[in-house]
Amino acid sequence: FDFTQSSVPQKRGDRYFHTLRLPGQQQA
């Protein structure tokens, strides 16, 4: 589990929204 996991981004205008779970974090 020791890696950074990104979700697929949602593009809204010039903004890109996505989740990240960094190593050791309980939640994204």
mmCIF file of all heavy atoms, coordinates in Angstrom:
data_MODEL
# 
_entry.id   MODEL 
# 
loop_
_atom_site.group_PDB 
_atom_site.id 
_atom_site.type_symbol 
_atom_site.label_atom_id 
_atom_site.label_alt_id 
_atom_site.label_comp_id 
_atom_site.label_asym_id 
_atom_site.label_entity_id 
_atom_site.label_seq_id 
_atom_site.pdbx_PDB_ins_code 
_atom_site.Cartn_x 
_atom_site.Cartn_y 
_atom_site.Cartn_z 
_atom_site.occupancy 
_atom_site.B_iso_or_equiv 
_atom_site.pdbx_formal_charge 
_atom_site.auth_seq_id 
_atom_site.auth_comp_id 
_atom_site.auth_asym_id 
_atom_site.auth_atom_id 
_atom_site.pdbx_PDB_model_num 
ATOM 1   N N   . PHE A 1 1  ? 0.820   -1.221 0.000   1.00 0.00 ? 1  PHE A N   1 
ATOM 2   C CA  . PHE A 1 1  ? 0.000   0.000  0.000   1.00 0.00 ? 1  PHE A CA  1 
ATOM 3   C C   . PHE A 1 1  ? 0.851   1.267  0.000   1.00 0.00 ? 1  PHE A C   1 
ATOM 4   O O   . PHE A 1 1  ? 0.309   2.376  -0.042  1.00 0.00 ? 1  PHE A O   1 
ATOM 5   C CB  . PHE A 1 1  ? -0.898  0.040  1.244   1.00 0.00 ? 1  PHE A CB  1 
ATOM 6   C CG  . PHE A 1 1  ? -2.261  -0.566 1.051   1.00 0.00 ? 1  PHE A CG  1 
ATOM 7   C CD1 . PHE A 1 1  ? -2.621  -1.729 1.717   1.00 0.00 ? 1  PHE A CD1 1 
ATOM 8   C CD2 . PHE A 1 1  ? -3.195  0.042  0.226   1.00 0.00 ? 1  PHE A CD2 1 
ATOM 9   C CE1 . PHE A 1 1  ? -3.886  -2.281 1.559   1.00 0.00 ? 1  PHE A CE1 1 
ATOM 10  C CE2 . PHE A 1 1  ? -4.464  -0.497 0.062   1.00 0.00 ? 1  PHE A CE2 1 
ATOM 11  C CZ  . PHE A 1 1  ? -4.813  -1.671 0.734   1.00 0.00 ? 1  PHE A CZ  1 
ATOM 12  N N   . ASP A 1 2  ? 2.161   1.130  0.015   1.00 0.00 ? 2  ASP A N   1 
ATOM 13  C CA  . ASP A 1 2  ? 3.052   2.271  0.204   1.00 0.00 ? 2  ASP A CA  1 
ATOM 14  C C   . ASP A 1 2  ? 3.297   3.002  -1.125  1.00 0.00 ? 2  ASP A C   1 
ATOM 15  O O   . ASP A 1 2  ? 4.381   2.949  -1.704  1.00 0.00 ? 2  ASP A O   1 
ATOM 16  C CB  . ASP A 1 2  ? 4.376   1.802  0.815   1.00 0.00 ? 2  ASP A CB  1 
ATOM 17  C CG  . ASP A 1 2  ? 5.261   2.969  1.230   1.00 0.00 ? 2  ASP A CG  1 
ATOM 18  O OD1 . ASP A 1 2  ? 4.709   4.044  1.520   1.00 0.00 ? 2  ASP A OD1 1 
ATOM 19  O OD2 . ASP A 1 2  ? 6.497   2.800  1.247   1.00 0.00 ? 2  ASP A OD2 1 
ATOM 20  N N   . PHE A 1 3  ? 2.268   3.666  -1.606  1.00 0.00 ? 3  PHE A N   1 
ATOM 21  C CA  . PHE A 1 3  ? 2.392   4.444  -2.836  1.00 0.00 ? 3  PHE A CA  1 
ATOM 22  C C   . PHE A 1 3  ? 1.303   5.509  -2.835  1.00 0.00 ? 3  PHE A C   1 
ATOM 23  O O   . PHE A 1 3  ? 0.342   5.452  -2.067  1.00 0.00 ? 3  PHE A O   1 
ATOM 24  C CB  . PHE A 1 3  ? 2.275   3.562  -4.079  1.00 0.00 ? 3  PHE A CB  1 
ATOM 25  C CG  . PHE A 1 3  ? 0.942   2.882  -4.244  1.00 0.00 ? 3  PHE A CG  1 
ATOM 26  C CD1 . PHE A 1 3  ? -0.062  3.454  -5.012  1.00 0.00 ? 3  PHE A CD1 1 
ATOM 27  C CD2 . PHE A 1 3  ? 0.684   1.658  -3.636  1.00 0.00 ? 3  PHE A CD2 1 
ATOM 28  C CE1 . PHE A 1 3  ? -1.292  2.842  -5.168  1.00 0.00 ? 3  PHE A CE1 1 
ATOM 29  C CE2 . PHE A 1 3  ? -0.546  1.034  -3.781  1.00 0.00 ? 3  PHE A CE2 1 
ATOM 30  C CZ  . PHE A 1 3  ? -1.532  1.619  -4.550  1.00 0.00 ? 3  PHE A CZ  1 
ATOM 31  N N   . THR A 1 4  ? 1.454   6.491  -3.706  1.00 0.00 ? 4  THR A N   1 
ATOM 32  C CA  . THR A 1 4  ? 0.457   7.542  -3.861  1.00 0.00 ? 4  THR A CA  1 
ATOM 33  C C   . THR A 1 4  ? -0.532  7.134  -4.944  1.00 0.00 ? 4  THR A C   1 
ATOM 34  O O   . THR A 1 4  ? -0.138  6.860  -6.073  1.00 0.00 ? 4  THR A O   1 
ATOM 35  C CB  . THR A 1 4  ? 1.128   8.877  -4.235  1.00 0.00 ? 4  THR A CB  1 
ATOM 36  O OG1 . THR A 1 4  ? 1.996   9.276  -3.172  1.00 0.00 ? 4  THR A OG1 1 
ATOM 37  C CG2 . THR A 1 4  ? 0.082   9.953  -4.463  1.00 0.00 ? 4  THR A CG2 1 
ATOM 38  N N   . GLN A 1 5  ? -1.819  7.078  -4.578  1.00 0.00 ? 5  GLN A N   1 
ATOM 39  C CA  . GLN A 1 5  ? -2.857  6.658  -5.518  1.00 0.00 ? 5  GLN A CA  1 
ATOM 40  C C   . GLN A 1 5  ? -3.754  7.826  -5.884  1.00 0.00 ? 5  GLN A C   1 
ATOM 41  O O   . GLN A 1 5  ? -4.351  8.467  -5.025  1.00 0.00 ? 5  GLN A O   1 
ATOM 42  C CB  . GLN A 1 5  ? -3.702  5.537  -4.910  1.00 0.00 ? 5  GLN A CB  1 
ATOM 43  C CG  . GLN A 1 5  ? -4.813  5.029  -5.824  1.00 0.00 ? 5  GLN A CG  1 
ATOM 44  C CD  . GLN A 1 5  ? -4.269  4.329  -7.059  1.00 0.00 ? 5  GLN A CD  1 
ATOM 45  O OE1 . GLN A 1 5  ? -3.793  3.206  -6.975  1.00 0.00 ? 5  GLN A OE1 1 
ATOM 46  N NE2 . GLN A 1 5  ? -4.314  5.002  -8.207  1.00 0.00 ? 5  GLN A NE2 1 
ATOM 47  N N   . SER A 1 6  ? -3.861  8.090  -7.175  1.00 0.00 ? 6  SER A N   1 
ATOM 48  C CA  . SER A 1 6  ? -4.726  9.153  -7.679  1.00 0.00 ? 6  SER A CA  1 
ATOM 49  C C   . SER A 1 6  ? -5.959  8.555  -8.331  1.00 0.00 ? 6  SER A C   1 
ATOM 50  O O   . SER A 1 6  ? -5.901  7.473  -8.938  1.00 0.00 ? 6  SER A O   1 
ATOM 51  C CB  . SER A 1 6  ? -3.985  10.018 -8.702  1.00 0.00 ? 6  SER A CB  1 
ATOM 52  O OG  . SER A 1 6  ? -4.854  10.967 -9.301  1.00 0.00 ? 6  SER A OG  1 
ATOM 53  N N   . SER A 1 7  ? -7.065  9.277  -8.236  1.00 0.00 ? 7  SER A N   1 
ATOM 54  C CA  . SER A 1 7  ? -8.250  8.907  -8.997  1.00 0.00 ? 7  SER A CA  1 
ATOM 55  C C   . SER A 1 7  ? -8.190  9.572  -10.370 1.00 0.00 ? 7  SER A C   1 
ATOM 56  O O   . SER A 1 7  ? -7.318  10.406 -10.647 1.00 0.00 ? 7  SER A O   1 
ATOM 57  C CB  . SER A 1 7  ? -9.513  9.350  -8.257  1.00 0.00 ? 7  SER A CB  1 
ATOM 58  O OG  . SER A 1 7  ? -9.612  10.779 -8.257  1.00 0.00 ? 7  SER A OG  1 
ATOM 59  N N   . VAL A 1 8  ? -9.114  9.213  -11.239 1.00 0.00 ? 8  VAL A N   1 
ATOM 60  C CA  . VAL A 1 8  ? -9.237  9.870  -12.536 1.00 0.00 ? 8  VAL A CA  1 
ATOM 61  C C   . VAL A 1 8  ? -9.813  11.263 -12.305 1.00 0.00 ? 8  VAL A C   1 
ATOM 62  O O   . VAL A 1 8  ? -10.801 11.420 -11.586 1.00 0.00 ? 8  VAL A O   1 
ATOM 63  C CB  . VAL A 1 8  ? -10.154 9.059  -13.464 1.00 0.00 ? 8  VAL A CB  1 
ATOM 64  C CG1 . VAL A 1 8  ? -10.330 9.770  -14.800 1.00 0.00 ? 8  VAL A CG1 1 
ATOM 65  C CG2 . VAL A 1 8  ? -9.591  7.664  -13.669 1.00 0.00 ? 8  VAL A CG2 1 
ATOM 66  N N   . PRO A 1 9  ? -9.228  12.297 -12.888 1.00 0.00 ? 9  PRO A N   1 
ATOM 67  C CA  . PRO A 1 9  ? -9.710  13.659 -12.607 1.00 0.00 ? 9  PRO A CA  1 
ATOM 68  C C   . PRO A 1 9  ? -11.042 13.966 -13.283 1.00 0.00 ? 9  PRO A C   1 
ATOM 69  O O   . PRO A 1 9  ? -11.370 13.428 -14.349 1.00 0.00 ? 9  PRO A O   1 
ATOM 70  C CB  . PRO A 1 9  ? -8.595  14.545 -13.166 1.00 0.00 ? 9  PRO A CB  1 
ATOM 71  C CG  . PRO A 1 9  ? -7.971  13.723 -14.235 1.00 0.00 ? 9  PRO A CG  1 
ATOM 72  C CD  . PRO A 1 9  ? -8.043  12.304 -13.766 1.00 0.00 ? 9  PRO A CD  1 
ATOM 73  N N   . GLN A 1 10 ? -11.786 14.851 -12.640 1.00 0.00 ? 10 GLN A N   1 
ATOM 74  C CA  . GLN A 1 10 ? -12.991 15.428 -13.232 1.00 0.00 ? 10 GLN A CA  1 
ATOM 75  C C   . GLN A 1 10 ? -12.646 16.848 -13.668 1.00 0.00 ? 10 GLN A C   1 
ATOM 76  O O   . GLN A 1 10 ? -12.247 17.673 -12.853 1.00 0.00 ? 10 GLN A O   1 
ATOM 77  C CB  . GLN A 1 10 ? -14.138 15.442 -12.218 1.00 0.00 ? 10 GLN A CB  1 
ATOM 78  C CG  . GLN A 1 10 ? -15.433 16.024 -12.767 1.00 0.00 ? 10 GLN A CG  1 
ATOM 79  C CD  . GLN A 1 10 ? -16.522 16.129 -11.711 1.00 0.00 ? 10 GLN A CD  1 
ATOM 80  O OE1 . GLN A 1 10 ? -16.284 16.630 -10.618 1.00 0.00 ? 10 GLN A OE1 1 
ATOM 81  N NE2 . GLN A 1 10 ? -17.713 15.653 -12.019 1.00 0.00 ? 10 GLN A NE2 1 
ATOM 82  N N   . LYS A 1 11 ? -12.799 17.125 -14.958 1.00 0.00 ? 11 LYS A N   1 
ATOM 83  C CA  . LYS A 1 11 ? -12.435 18.435 -15.490 1.00 0.00 ? 11 LYS A CA  1 
ATOM 84  C C   . LYS A 1 11 ? -13.649 19.350 -15.483 1.00 0.00 ? 11 LYS A C   1 
ATOM 85  O O   . LYS A 1 11 ? -14.712 19.015 -16.011 1.00 0.00 ? 11 LYS A O   1 
ATOM 86  C CB  . LYS A 1 11 ? -11.894 18.291 -16.911 1.00 0.00 ? 11 LYS A CB  1 
ATOM 87  C CG  . LYS A 1 11 ? -11.405 19.604 -17.527 1.00 0.00 ? 11 LYS A CG  1 
ATOM 88  C CD  . LYS A 1 11 ? -10.874 19.378 -18.941 1.00 0.00 ? 11 LYS A CD  1 
ATOM 89  C CE  . LYS A 1 11 ? -10.389 20.682 -19.563 1.00 0.00 ? 11 LYS A CE  1 
ATOM 90  N NZ  . LYS A 1 11 ? -9.908  20.489 -20.948 1.00 0.00 ? 11 LYS A NZ  1 
ATOM 91  N N   . ARG A 1 12 ? -13.485 20.524 -14.876 1.00 0.00 ? 12 ARG A N   1 
ATOM 92  C CA  . ARG A 1 12 ? -14.531 21.542 -14.859 1.00 0.00 ? 12 ARG A CA  1 
ATOM 93  C C   . ARG A 1 12 ? -13.892 22.874 -15.234 1.00 0.00 ? 12 ARG A C   1 
ATOM 94  O O   . ARG A 1 12 ? -13.157 23.463 -14.432 1.00 0.00 ? 12 ARG A O   1 
ATOM 95  C CB  . ARG A 1 12 ? -15.168 21.647 -13.484 1.00 0.00 ? 12 ARG A CB  1 
ATOM 96  C CG  . ARG A 1 12 ? -15.921 20.403 -13.039 1.00 0.00 ? 12 ARG A CG  1 
ATOM 97  C CD  . ARG A 1 12 ? -17.039 20.042 -14.000 1.00 0.00 ? 12 ARG A CD  1 
ATOM 98  N NE  . ARG A 1 12 ? -18.024 19.148 -13.429 1.00 0.00 ? 12 ARG A NE  1 
ATOM 99  C CZ  . ARG A 1 12 ? -18.885 18.448 -14.133 1.00 0.00 ? 12 ARG A CZ  1 
ATOM 100 N NH1 . ARG A 1 12 ? -18.868 18.529 -15.462 1.00 0.00 ? 12 ARG A NH1 1 
ATOM 101 N NH2 . ARG A 1 12 ? -19.770 17.673 -13.546 1.00 0.00 ? 12 ARG A NH2 1 
ATOM 102 N N   . GLY A 1 13 ? -14.122 23.323 -16.471 1.00 0.00 ? 13 GLY A N   1 
ATOM 103 C CA  . GLY A 1 13 ? -13.441 24.515 -16.953 1.00 0.00 ? 13 GLY A CA  1 
ATOM 104 C C   . GLY A 1 13 ? -11.947 24.249 -17.018 1.00 0.00 ? 13 GLY A C   1 
ATOM 105 O O   . GLY A 1 13 ? -11.500 23.292 -17.647 1.00 0.00 ? 13 GLY A O   1 
ATOM 106 N N   . ASP A 1 14 ? -11.156 25.109 -16.366 1.00 0.00 ? 14 ASP A N   1 
ATOM 107 C CA  . ASP A 1 14 ? -9.708  24.902 -16.314 1.00 0.00 ? 14 ASP A CA  1 
ATOM 108 C C   . ASP A 1 14 ? -9.276  24.204 -15.031 1.00 0.00 ? 14 ASP A C   1 
ATOM 109 O O   . ASP A 1 14 ? -8.079  24.090 -14.753 1.00 0.00 ? 14 ASP A O   1 
ATOM 110 C CB  . ASP A 1 14 ? -8.981  26.246 -16.418 1.00 0.00 ? 14 ASP A CB  1 
ATOM 111 C CG  . ASP A 1 14 ? -9.146  26.870 -17.804 1.00 0.00 ? 14 ASP A CG  1 
ATOM 112 O OD1 . ASP A 1 14 ? -9.235  26.103 -18.784 1.00 0.00 ? 14 ASP A OD1 1 
ATOM 113 O OD2 . ASP A 1 14 ? -9.203  28.119 -17.891 1.00 0.00 ? 14 ASP A OD2 1 
ATOM 114 N N   . ARG A 1 15 ? -10.248 23.745 -14.253 1.00 0.00 ? 15 ARG A N   1 
ATOM 115 C CA  . ARG A 1 15 ? -9.924  23.082 -12.998 1.00 0.00 ? 15 ARG A CA  1 
ATOM 116 C C   . ARG A 1 15 ? -10.073 21.565 -13.133 1.00 0.00 ? 15 ARG A C   1 
ATOM 117 O O   . ARG A 1 15 ? -10.991 21.071 -13.792 1.00 0.00 ? 15 ARG A O   1 
ATOM 118 C CB  . ARG A 1 15 ? -10.821 23.598 -11.865 1.00 0.00 ? 15 ARG A CB  1 
ATOM 119 C CG  . ARG A 1 15 ? -10.439 25.003 -11.396 1.00 0.00 ? 15 ARG A CG  1 
ATOM 120 C CD  . ARG A 1 15 ? -11.405 25.534 -10.353 1.00 0.00 ? 15 ARG A CD  1 
ATOM 121 N NE  . ARG A 1 15 ? -10.852 26.749 -9.723  1.00 0.00 ? 15 ARG A NE  1 
ATOM 122 C CZ  . ARG A 1 15 ? -11.552 27.600 -9.003  1.00 0.00 ? 15 ARG A CZ  1 
ATOM 123 N NH1 . ARG A 1 15 ? -12.864 27.382 -8.793  1.00 0.00 ? 15 ARG A NH1 1 
ATOM 124 N NH2 . ARG A 1 15 ? -10.983 28.664 -8.471  1.00 0.00 ? 15 ARG A NH2 1 
ATOM 125 N N   . TYR A 1 16 ? -9.166  20.863 -12.463 1.00 0.00 ? 16 TYR A N   1 
ATOM 126 C CA  . TYR A 1 16 ? -9.166  19.404 -12.478 1.00 0.00 ? 16 TYR A CA  1 
ATOM 127 C C   . TYR A 1 16 ? -9.274  18.917 -11.031 1.00 0.00 ? 16 TYR A C   1 
ATOM 128 O O   . TYR A 1 16 ? -8.402  19.202 -10.199 1.00 0.00 ? 16 TYR A O   1 
ATOM 129 C CB  . TYR A 1 16 ? -7.886  18.861 -13.120 1.00 0.00 ? 16 TYR A CB  1 
ATOM 130 C CG  . TYR A 1 16 ? -7.741  19.220 -14.578 1.00 0.00 ? 16 TYR A CG  1 
ATOM 131 C CD1 . TYR A 1 16 ? -7.387  20.513 -14.971 1.00 0.00 ? 16 TYR A CD1 1 
ATOM 132 C CD2 . TYR A 1 16 ? -7.974  18.277 -15.578 1.00 0.00 ? 16 TYR A CD2 1 
ATOM 133 C CE1 . TYR A 1 16 ? -7.264  20.849 -16.313 1.00 0.00 ? 16 TYR A CE1 1 
ATOM 134 C CE2 . TYR A 1 16 ? -7.850  18.600 -16.919 1.00 0.00 ? 16 TYR A CE2 1 
ATOM 135 C CZ  . TYR A 1 16 ? -7.489  19.888 -17.282 1.00 0.00 ? 16 TYR A CZ  1 
ATOM 136 O OH  . TYR A 1 16 ? -7.367  20.213 -18.614 1.00 0.00 ? 16 TYR A OH  1 
ATOM 137 N N   . PHE A 1 17 ? -10.344 18.174 -10.738 1.00 0.00 ? 17 PHE A N   1 
ATOM 138 C CA  . PHE A 1 17 ? -10.590 17.684 -9.387  1.00 0.00 ? 17 PHE A CA  1 
ATOM 139 C C   . PHE A 1 17 ? -10.288 16.193 -9.331  1.00 0.00 ? 17 PHE A C   1 
ATOM 140 O O   . PHE A 1 17 ? -10.714 15.426 -10.205 1.00 0.00 ? 17 PHE A O   1 
ATOM 141 C CB  . PHE A 1 17 ? -12.055 17.922 -8.994  1.00 0.00 ? 17 PHE A CB  1 
ATOM 142 C CG  . PHE A 1 17 ? -12.447 19.373 -8.952  1.00 0.00 ? 17 PHE A CG  1 
ATOM 143 C CD1 . PHE A 1 17 ? -12.849 20.042 -10.113 1.00 0.00 ? 17 PHE A CD1 1 
ATOM 144 C CD2 . PHE A 1 17 ? -12.435 20.079 -7.762  1.00 0.00 ? 17 PHE A CD2 1 
ATOM 145 C CE1 . PHE A 1 17 ? -13.217 21.380 -10.078 1.00 0.00 ? 17 PHE A CE1 1 
ATOM 146 C CE2 . PHE A 1 17 ? -12.805 21.417 -7.711  1.00 0.00 ? 17 PHE A CE2 1 
ATOM 147 C CZ  . PHE A 1 17 ? -13.197 22.068 -8.881  1.00 0.00 ? 17 PHE A CZ  1 
ATOM 148 N N   . HIS A 1 18 ? -9.580  15.774 -8.283  1.00 0.00 ? 18 HIS A N   1 
ATOM 149 C CA  . HIS A 1 18 ? -9.264  14.352 -8.143  1.00 0.00 ? 18 HIS A CA  1 
ATOM 150 C C   . HIS A 1 18 ? -8.894  14.058 -6.697  1.00 0.00 ? 18 HIS A C   1 
ATOM 151 O O   . HIS A 1 18 ? -8.548  14.963 -5.923  1.00 0.00 ? 18 HIS A O   1 
ATOM 152 C CB  . HIS A 1 18 ? -8.114  13.953 -9.065  1.00 0.00 ? 18 HIS A CB  1 
ATOM 153 C CG  . HIS A 1 18 ? -6.810  14.624 -8.752  1.00 0.00 ? 18 HIS A CG  1 
ATOM 154 N ND1 . HIS A 1 18 ? -5.802  13.994 -8.061  1.00 0.00 ? 18 HIS A ND1 1 
ATOM 155 C CD2 . HIS A 1 18 ? -6.355  15.880 -9.001  1.00 0.00 ? 18 HIS A CD2 1 
ATOM 156 C CE1 . HIS A 1 18 ? -4.782  14.828 -7.913  1.00 0.00 ? 18 HIS A CE1 1 
ATOM 157 N NE2 . HIS A 1 18 ? -5.090  15.979 -8.472  1.00 0.00 ? 18 HIS A NE2 1 
ATOM 158 N N   . THR A 1 19 ? -8.957  12.798 -6.339  1.00 0.00 ? 19 THR A N   1 
ATOM 159 C CA  . THR A 1 19 ? -8.540  12.391 -4.998  1.00 0.00 ? 19 THR A CA  1 
ATOM 160 C C   . THR A 1 19 ? -7.115  11.850 -5.040  1.00 0.00 ? 19 THR A C   1 
ATOM 161 O O   . THR A 1 19 ? -6.647  11.349 -6.071  1.00 0.00 ? 19 THR A O   1 
ATOM 162 C CB  . THR A 1 19 ? -9.471  11.320 -4.401  1.00 0.00 ? 19 THR A CB  1 
ATOM 163 O OG1 . THR A 1 19 ? -9.430  10.145 -5.217  1.00 0.00 ? 19 THR A OG1 1 
ATOM 164 C CG2 . THR A 1 19 ? -10.894 11.839 -4.307  1.00 0.00 ? 19 THR A CG2 1 
ATOM 165 N N   . LEU A 1 20 ? -6.448  11.958 -3.916  1.00 0.00 ? 20 LEU A N   1 
ATOM 166 C CA  . LEU A 1 20 ? -5.127  11.375 -3.715  1.00 0.00 ? 20 LEU A CA  1 
ATOM 167 C C   . LEU A 1 20 ? -5.088  10.730 -2.329  1.00 0.00 ? 20 LEU A C   1 
ATOM 168 O O   . LEU A 1 20 ? -5.565  11.328 -1.360  1.00 0.00 ? 20 LEU A O   1 
ATOM 169 C CB  . LEU A 1 20 ? -4.026  12.442 -3.766  1.00 0.00 ? 20 LEU A CB  1 
ATOM 170 C CG  . LEU A 1 20 ? -3.494  12.924 -5.104  1.00 0.00 ? 20 LEU A CG  1 
ATOM 171 C CD1 . LEU A 1 20 ? -2.454  14.020 -4.871  1.00 0.00 ? 20 LEU A CD1 1 
ATOM 172 C CD2 . LEU A 1 20 ? -2.858  11.770 -5.888  1.00 0.00 ? 20 LEU A CD2 1 
ATOM 173 N N   . ARG A 1 21 ? -4.552  9.524  -2.284  1.00 0.00 ? 21 ARG A N   1 
ATOM 174 C CA  . ARG A 1 21 ? -4.234  8.927  -0.984  1.00 0.00 ? 21 ARG A CA  1 
ATOM 175 C C   . ARG A 1 21 ? -2.735  8.740  -0.918  1.00 0.00 ? 21 ARG A C   1 
ATOM 176 O O   . ARG A 1 21 ? -2.159  7.969  -1.680  1.00 0.00 ? 21 ARG A O   1 
ATOM 177 C CB  . ARG A 1 21 ? -4.947  7.587  -0.771  1.00 0.00 ? 21 ARG A CB  1 
ATOM 178 C CG  . ARG A 1 21 ? -4.807  7.073  0.674   1.00 0.00 ? 21 ARG A CG  1 
ATOM 179 C CD  . ARG A 1 21 ? -5.234  5.629  0.809   1.00 0.00 ? 21 ARG A CD  1 
ATOM 180 N NE  . ARG A 1 21 ? -4.426  4.738  -0.014  1.00 0.00 ? 21 ARG A NE  1 
ATOM 181 C CZ  . ARG A 1 21 ? -3.201  4.309  0.311   1.00 0.00 ? 21 ARG A CZ  1 
ATOM 182 N NH1 . ARG A 1 21 ? -2.622  4.714  1.439   1.00 0.00 ? 21 ARG A NH1 1 
ATOM 183 N NH2 . ARG A 1 21 ? -2.546  3.518  -0.502  1.00 0.00 ? 21 ARG A NH2 1 
ATOM 184 N N   . LEU A 1 22 ? -2.113  9.477  -0.018  1.00 0.00 ? 22 LEU A N   1 
ATOM 185 C CA  . LEU A 1 22 ? -0.663  9.399  0.144   1.00 0.00 ? 22 LEU A CA  1 
ATOM 186 C C   . LEU A 1 22 ? -0.306  8.220  1.037   1.00 0.00 ? 22 LEU A C   1 
ATOM 187 O O   . LEU A 1 22 ? -1.141  7.733  1.808   1.00 0.00 ? 22 LEU A O   1 
ATOM 188 C CB  . LEU A 1 22 ? -0.138  10.702 0.743   1.00 0.00 ? 22 LEU A CB  1 
ATOM 189 C CG  . LEU A 1 22 ? -0.478  11.980 -0.047  1.00 0.00 ? 22 LEU A CG  1 
ATOM 190 C CD1 . LEU A 1 22 ? 0.073   13.209 0.674   1.00 0.00 ? 22 LEU A CD1 1 
ATOM 191 C CD2 . LEU A 1 22 ? 0.059   11.887 -1.456  1.00 0.00 ? 22 LEU A CD2 1 
ATOM 192 N N   . PRO A 1 23 ? 0.932   7.739  0.968   1.00 0.00 ? 23 PRO A N   1 
ATOM 193 C CA  . PRO A 1 23 ? 1.331   6.601  1.794   1.00 0.00 ? 23 PRO A CA  1 
ATOM 194 C C   . PRO A 1 23 ? 1.044   6.852  3.274   1.00 0.00 ? 23 PRO A C   1 
ATOM 195 O O   . PRO A 1 23 ? 1.350   7.913  3.813   1.00 0.00 ? 23 PRO A O   1 
ATOM 196 C CB  . PRO A 1 23 ? 2.834   6.487  1.535   1.00 0.00 ? 23 PRO A CB  1 
ATOM 197 C CG  . PRO A 1 23 ? 3.016   7.055  0.159   1.00 0.00 ? 23 PRO A CG  1 
ATOM 198 C CD  . PRO A 1 23 ? 2.022   8.172  0.066   1.00 0.00 ? 23 PRO A CD  1 
ATOM 199 N N   . GLY A 1 24 ? 0.413   5.865  3.902   1.00 0.00 ? 24 GLY A N   1 
ATOM 200 C CA  . GLY A 1 24 ? 0.140   5.929  5.322   1.00 0.00 ? 24 GLY A CA  1 
ATOM 201 C C   . GLY A 1 24 ? -1.133  6.647  5.702   1.00 0.00 ? 24 GLY A C   1 
ATOM 202 O O   . GLY A 1 24 ? -1.553  6.594  6.861   1.00 0.00 ? 24 GLY A O   1 
ATOM 203 N N   . GLN A 1 25 ? -1.777  7.328  4.761   1.00 0.00 ? 25 GLN A N   1 
ATOM 204 C CA  . GLN A 1 25 ? -3.012  8.033  5.085   1.00 0.00 ? 25 GLN A CA  1 
ATOM 205 C C   . GLN A 1 25 ? -4.187  7.057  5.164   1.00 0.00 ? 25 GLN A C   1 
ATOM 206 O O   . GLN A 1 25 ? -4.292  6.133  4.364   1.00 0.00 ? 25 GLN A O   1 
ATOM 207 C CB  . GLN A 1 25 ? -3.306  9.117  4.052   1.00 0.00 ? 25 GLN A CB  1 
ATOM 208 C CG  . GLN A 1 25 ? -2.387  10.320 4.159   1.00 0.00 ? 25 GLN A CG  1 
ATOM 209 C CD  . GLN A 1 25 ? -2.748  11.411 3.171   1.00 0.00 ? 25 GLN A CD  1 
ATOM 210 O OE1 . GLN A 1 25 ? -3.428  11.174 2.178   1.00 0.00 ? 25 GLN A OE1 1 
ATOM 211 N NE2 . GLN A 1 25 ? -2.274  12.615 3.441   1.00 0.00 ? 25 GLN A NE2 1 
ATOM 212 N N   . GLN A 1 26 ? -5.079  7.320  6.125   1.00 0.00 ? 26 GLN A N   1 
ATOM 213 C CA  . GLN A 1 26 ? -6.225  6.443  6.315   1.00 0.00 ? 26 GLN A CA  1 
ATOM 214 C C   . GLN A 1 26 ? -7.248  6.590  5.186   1.00 0.00 ? 26 GLN A C   1 
ATOM 215 O O   . GLN A 1 26 ? -7.866  5.614  4.766   1.00 0.00 ? 26 GLN A O   1 
ATOM 216 C CB  . GLN A 1 26 ? -6.896  6.749  7.658   1.00 0.00 ? 26 GLN A CB  1 
ATOM 217 C CG  . GLN A 1 26 ? -6.011  6.538  8.870   1.00 0.00 ? 26 GLN A CG  1 
ATOM 218 C CD  . GLN A 1 26 ? -5.558  5.092  8.986   1.00 0.00 ? 26 GLN A CD  1 
ATOM 219 O OE1 . GLN A 1 26 ? -6.324  4.162  8.784   1.00 0.00 ? 26 GLN A OE1 1 
ATOM 220 N NE2 . GLN A 1 26 ? -4.279  4.904  9.293   1.00 0.00 ? 26 GLN A NE2 1 
ATOM 221 N N   . GLN A 1 27 ? -7.449  7.817  4.717   1.00 0.00 ? 27 GLN A N   1 
ATOM 222 C CA  . GLN A 1 27 ? -8.467  8.091  3.713   1.00 0.00 ? 27 GLN A CA  1 
ATOM 223 C C   . GLN A 1 27 ? -7.889  8.954  2.592   1.00 0.00 ? 27 GLN A C   1 
ATOM 224 O O   . GLN A 1 27 ? -6.950  9.723  2.807   1.00 0.00 ? 27 GLN A O   1 
ATOM 225 C CB  . GLN A 1 27 ? -9.654  8.830  4.339   1.00 0.00 ? 27 GLN A CB  1 
ATOM 226 C CG  . GLN A 1 27 ? -10.326 8.117  5.489   1.00 0.00 ? 27 GLN A CG  1 
ATOM 227 C CD  . GLN A 1 27 ? -11.187 6.942  5.030   1.00 0.00 ? 27 GLN A CD  1 
ATOM 228 O OE1 . GLN A 1 27 ? -11.402 6.724  3.832   1.00 0.00 ? 27 GLN A OE1 1 
ATOM 229 N NE2 . GLN A 1 27 ? -11.690 6.172  5.984   1.00 0.00 ? 27 GLN A NE2 1 
ATOM 230 N N   . ALA A 1 28 ? -8.479  8.829  1.408   1.00 0.00 ? 28 ALA A N   1 
ATOM 231 C CA  . ALA A 1 28 ? -8.089  9.691  0.288   1.00 0.00 ? 28 ALA A CA  1 
ATOM 232 C C   . ALA A 1 28 ? -8.588  11.112 0.527   1.00 0.00 ? 28 ALA A C   1 
ATOM 233 O O   . ALA A 1 28 ? -9.617  11.328 1.176   1.00 0.00 ? 28 ALA A O   1 
ATOM 234 C CB  . ALA A 1 28 ? -8.658  9.141  -1.018  1.00 0.00 ? 28 ALA A CB  1 
# 
